[in-house]
Amino acid sequence: MEVVDTAQINSFAPIAAQTDFVQTSEESVFILTSSQLQGIISRALQPLQDEVSQLRATVATQEARISLQEDNGLIQLRLINDLREAKKGPGKTEISRADKIEKYLTSRPDHRATFETLKGHLGVDKFQLNVAVKTLMASHPGEYGIVRTPGDKRKRTLVLLPK
């Protein structure tokens, strides 16, 4: 029969069964009640709960700022729209051109002029002439009319109507 050394036996035995086993305080077993465990968890979670509260406050502040910025943006858009609406009326240039057209037509014996002639007289393009004619007709309703040029139905003529 063979004699076996205790070191060889201890190498196969569980730690608790080994002969030179010394239990340290790290390996000690603690028994906690559920209220004690809850207290430990609560203390551990408290910093996280505080941080969540701070984040919620920050989010609420940012939401308030965003809402204020949206309101200010809406106010700005309304002001811009109001300014555009106010600007839609004829400006000084359009009124001046309308006055020039009025003087030109009254000085002519037949009190009429083609749009081409008026473009040359004012030195403007088709769009600017149309705006000036609309301004003139709006400021003197019923006094002016637009007719097709005799001989060329594609051309238009502005006429001072008889009173």
Protein backbone atom coordinates (compact mmCIF):
# COMPACT_ATOMS: atom_id res chain seq x y z
CA MET A 1 0.00 0.00 0.00
CA GLU A 2 1.21 3.46 -0.92
CA VAL A 3 1.37 6.41 1.50
CA VAL A 4 -0.10 9.62 0.13
CA ASP A 5 1.19 13.03 1.14
CA THR A 6 -1.36 15.51 2.61
CA ALA A 7 -0.27 18.17 0.08
CA GLN A 8 -1.44 15.90 -2.71
CA ILE A 9 -4.75 15.35 -0.99
CA ASN A 10 -5.25 19.06 -0.37
CA SER A 11 -4.68 19.83 -4.04
CA PHE A 12 -7.82 17.86 -4.92
CA ALA A 13 -9.92 18.78 -1.93
CA PRO A 14 -12.24 21.78 -1.87
CA ILE A 15 -10.78 24.89 -0.30
CA ALA A 16 -12.83 24.54 2.89
CA ALA A 17 -11.60 20.97 3.36
CA GLN A 18 -7.89 21.73 2.98
CA THR A 19 -5.97 21.45 6.18
CA ASP A 20 -4.11 24.76 5.94
CA PHE A 21 -7.26 26.77 5.09
CA VAL A 22 -7.65 30.06 6.94
CA GLN A 23 -10.90 31.95 6.49
CA THR A 24 -10.42 35.69 5.94
CA SER A 25 -12.87 38.46 6.71
CA GLU A 26 -13.44 39.01 2.95
CA GLU A 27 -14.87 35.57 2.69
CA SER A 28 -17.08 35.93 5.72
CA VAL A 29 -20.79 35.40 5.34
CA PHE A 30 -23.08 38.26 6.27
CA ILE A 31 -26.76 37.99 6.92
CA LEU A 32 -28.82 41.11 6.21
CA THR A 33 -32.47 41.78 6.73
CA SER A 34 -34.45 43.06 3.78
CA SER A 35 -34.76 46.53 5.36
CA GLN A 36 -30.98 46.67 5.83
CA LEU A 37 -30.47 45.68 2.18
CA GLN A 38 -33.00 48.31 1.09
CA GLY A 39 -31.13 50.95 3.09
CA ILE A 40 -27.82 50.04 1.44
CA ILE A 41 -29.40 50.13 -2.03
CA SER A 42 -31.13 53.45 -1.29
CA ARG A 43 -27.85 55.05 -0.17
CA ALA A 44 -26.13 53.69 -3.27
CA LEU A 45 -28.87 55.01 -5.59
CA GLN A 46 -29.25 58.44 -3.97
CA PRO A 47 -26.50 60.12 -6.05
CA LEU A 48 -28.09 58.73 -9.22
CA GLN A 49 -31.52 59.97 -8.18
CA ASP A 50 -30.06 63.41 -7.48
CA GLU A 51 -28.44 63.45 -10.91
CA VAL A 52 -31.70 62.40 -12.58
CA SER A 53 -33.51 65.23 -10.75
CA GLN A 54 -30.91 67.73 -11.96
CA LEU A 55 -31.22 66.41 -15.52
CA ARG A 56 -35.00 66.74 -15.38
CA ALA A 57 -34.67 70.34 -14.19
CA THR A 58 -32.20 71.05 -17.01
CA VAL A 59 -34.53 69.50 -19.58
CA ALA A 60 -37.46 71.54 -18.28
CA THR A 61 -35.37 74.73 -18.51
CA GLN A 62 -34.29 73.87 -22.08
CA GLU A 63 -37.89 73.12 -23.09
CA ALA A 64 -38.95 76.50 -21.72
CA ARG A 65 -36.17 78.21 -23.70
CA ILE A 66 -37.14 76.38 -26.87
CA SER A 67 -40.76 77.35 -26.40
CA LEU A 68 -39.75 80.98 -25.90
CA GLN A 69 -37.57 80.86 -29.02
CA GLU A 70 -40.44 79.38 -31.02
CA ASP A 71 -42.74 82.15 -29.82
CA ASN A 72 -40.15 84.80 -30.70
CA GLY A 73 -39.67 83.24 -34.14
CA LEU A 74 -43.42 83.34 -34.74
CA ILE A 75 -43.55 86.99 -33.65
CA GLN A 76 -40.68 87.81 -36.02
CA LEU A 77 -42.41 86.07 -38.92
CA ARG A 78 -45.61 88.01 -38.22
CA LEU A 79 -43.69 91.30 -38.14
CA ILE A 80 -41.93 90.46 -41.40
CA ASN A 81 -45.26 89.56 -42.98
CA ASP A 82 -46.81 92.81 -41.72
CA LEU A 83 -43.92 94.78 -43.21
CA ARG A 84 -44.34 92.97 -46.53
CA GLU A 85 -48.06 93.69 -46.54
CA ALA A 86 -47.42 97.37 -45.81
CA LYS A 87 -44.84 97.45 -48.62
CA LYS A 88 -47.26 96.05 -51.19
CA GLY A 89 -48.64 99.49 -51.95
CA PRO A 90 -46.97 101.55 -54.67
CA GLY A 91 -43.69 103.16 -53.78
CA LYS A 92 -42.40 106.60 -54.68
CA THR A 93 -40.88 105.34 -57.92
CA GLU A 94 -44.12 103.75 -59.13
CA ILE A 95 -46.11 106.89 -58.26
CA SER A 96 -43.55 109.07 -60.05
CA ARG A 97 -43.75 106.90 -63.17
CA ALA A 98 -47.57 106.96 -63.06
CA ASP A 99 -47.45 110.78 -62.89
CA LYS A 100 -45.11 110.88 -65.90
CA ILE A 101 -47.49 108.66 -67.87
CA GLU A 102 -50.42 110.91 -66.89
CA LYS A 103 -48.59 114.06 -68.03
CA TYR A 104 -47.47 112.38 -71.26
CA LEU A 105 -51.01 111.25 -72.18
CA THR A 106 -52.57 114.65 -71.39
CA SER A 107 -49.95 116.38 -73.55
CA ARG A 108 -50.72 114.20 -76.59
CA PRO A 109 -53.56 115.36 -78.86
CA ASP A 110 -55.13 111.89 -79.11
CA HIS A 111 -54.53 111.14 -75.40
CA ARG A 112 -53.19 107.65 -76.13
CA ALA A 113 -49.85 105.86 -76.30
CA THR A 114 -48.74 102.31 -76.96
CA PHE A 115 -47.06 100.40 -74.20
CA GLU A 116 -43.90 100.30 -76.36
CA THR A 117 -43.91 104.11 -76.58
CA LEU A 118 -44.43 104.43 -72.82
CA LYS A 119 -41.57 101.98 -72.13
CA GLY A 120 -39.27 104.15 -74.24
CA HIS A 121 -40.55 107.39 -72.64
CA LEU A 122 -39.96 106.09 -69.09
CA GLY A 123 -36.88 104.04 -69.88
CA VAL A 124 -38.23 100.96 -68.09
CA ASP A 125 -38.86 97.32 -68.92
CA LYS A 126 -42.23 95.64 -69.47
CA PHE A 127 -42.69 94.63 -65.83
CA GLN A 128 -41.93 98.10 -64.43
CA LEU A 129 -44.25 99.68 -67.00
CA ASN A 130 -47.10 97.34 -66.03
CA VAL A 131 -46.64 98.27 -62.35
CA ALA A 132 -46.68 102.00 -63.23
CA VAL A 133 -49.83 101.60 -65.37
CA LYS A 134 -51.60 99.64 -62.60
CA THR A 135 -50.63 102.37 -60.12
CA LEU A 136 -52.00 105.06 -62.44
CA MET A 137 -55.25 103.20 -63.05
CA ALA A 138 -55.72 102.48 -59.32
CA SER A 139 -55.18 106.13 -58.38
CA HIS A 140 -57.56 107.37 -61.13
CA PRO A 141 -60.32 104.76 -61.41
CA GLY A 142 -62.39 104.98 -64.58
CA GLU A 143 -60.19 107.63 -66.23
CA TYR A 144 -57.86 105.31 -68.17
CA GLY A 145 -58.37 102.24 -70.28
CA ILE A 146 -56.28 99.70 -72.14
CA VAL A 147 -57.22 98.83 -75.71
CA ARG A 148 -55.67 96.79 -78.50
CA THR A 149 -53.72 98.81 -81.01
CA PRO A 150 -55.61 99.22 -84.32
CA GLY A 151 -53.80 97.28 -87.02
CA ASP A 152 -51.85 95.07 -84.58
CA LYS A 153 -54.02 93.25 -82.05
CA ARG A 154 -50.95 91.99 -80.19
CA LYS A 155 -49.97 95.46 -79.01
CA ARG A 156 -51.72 97.36 -76.24
CA THR A 157 -52.45 101.06 -75.96
CA LEU A 158 -53.16 103.12 -72.85
CA VAL A 159 -55.95 105.64 -73.42
CA LEU A 160 -57.13 108.63 -71.36
CA LEU A 161 -60.90 108.18 -71.48
CA PRO A 162 -63.11 111.20 -72.18
CA LYS A 163 -64.97 112.56 -69.13
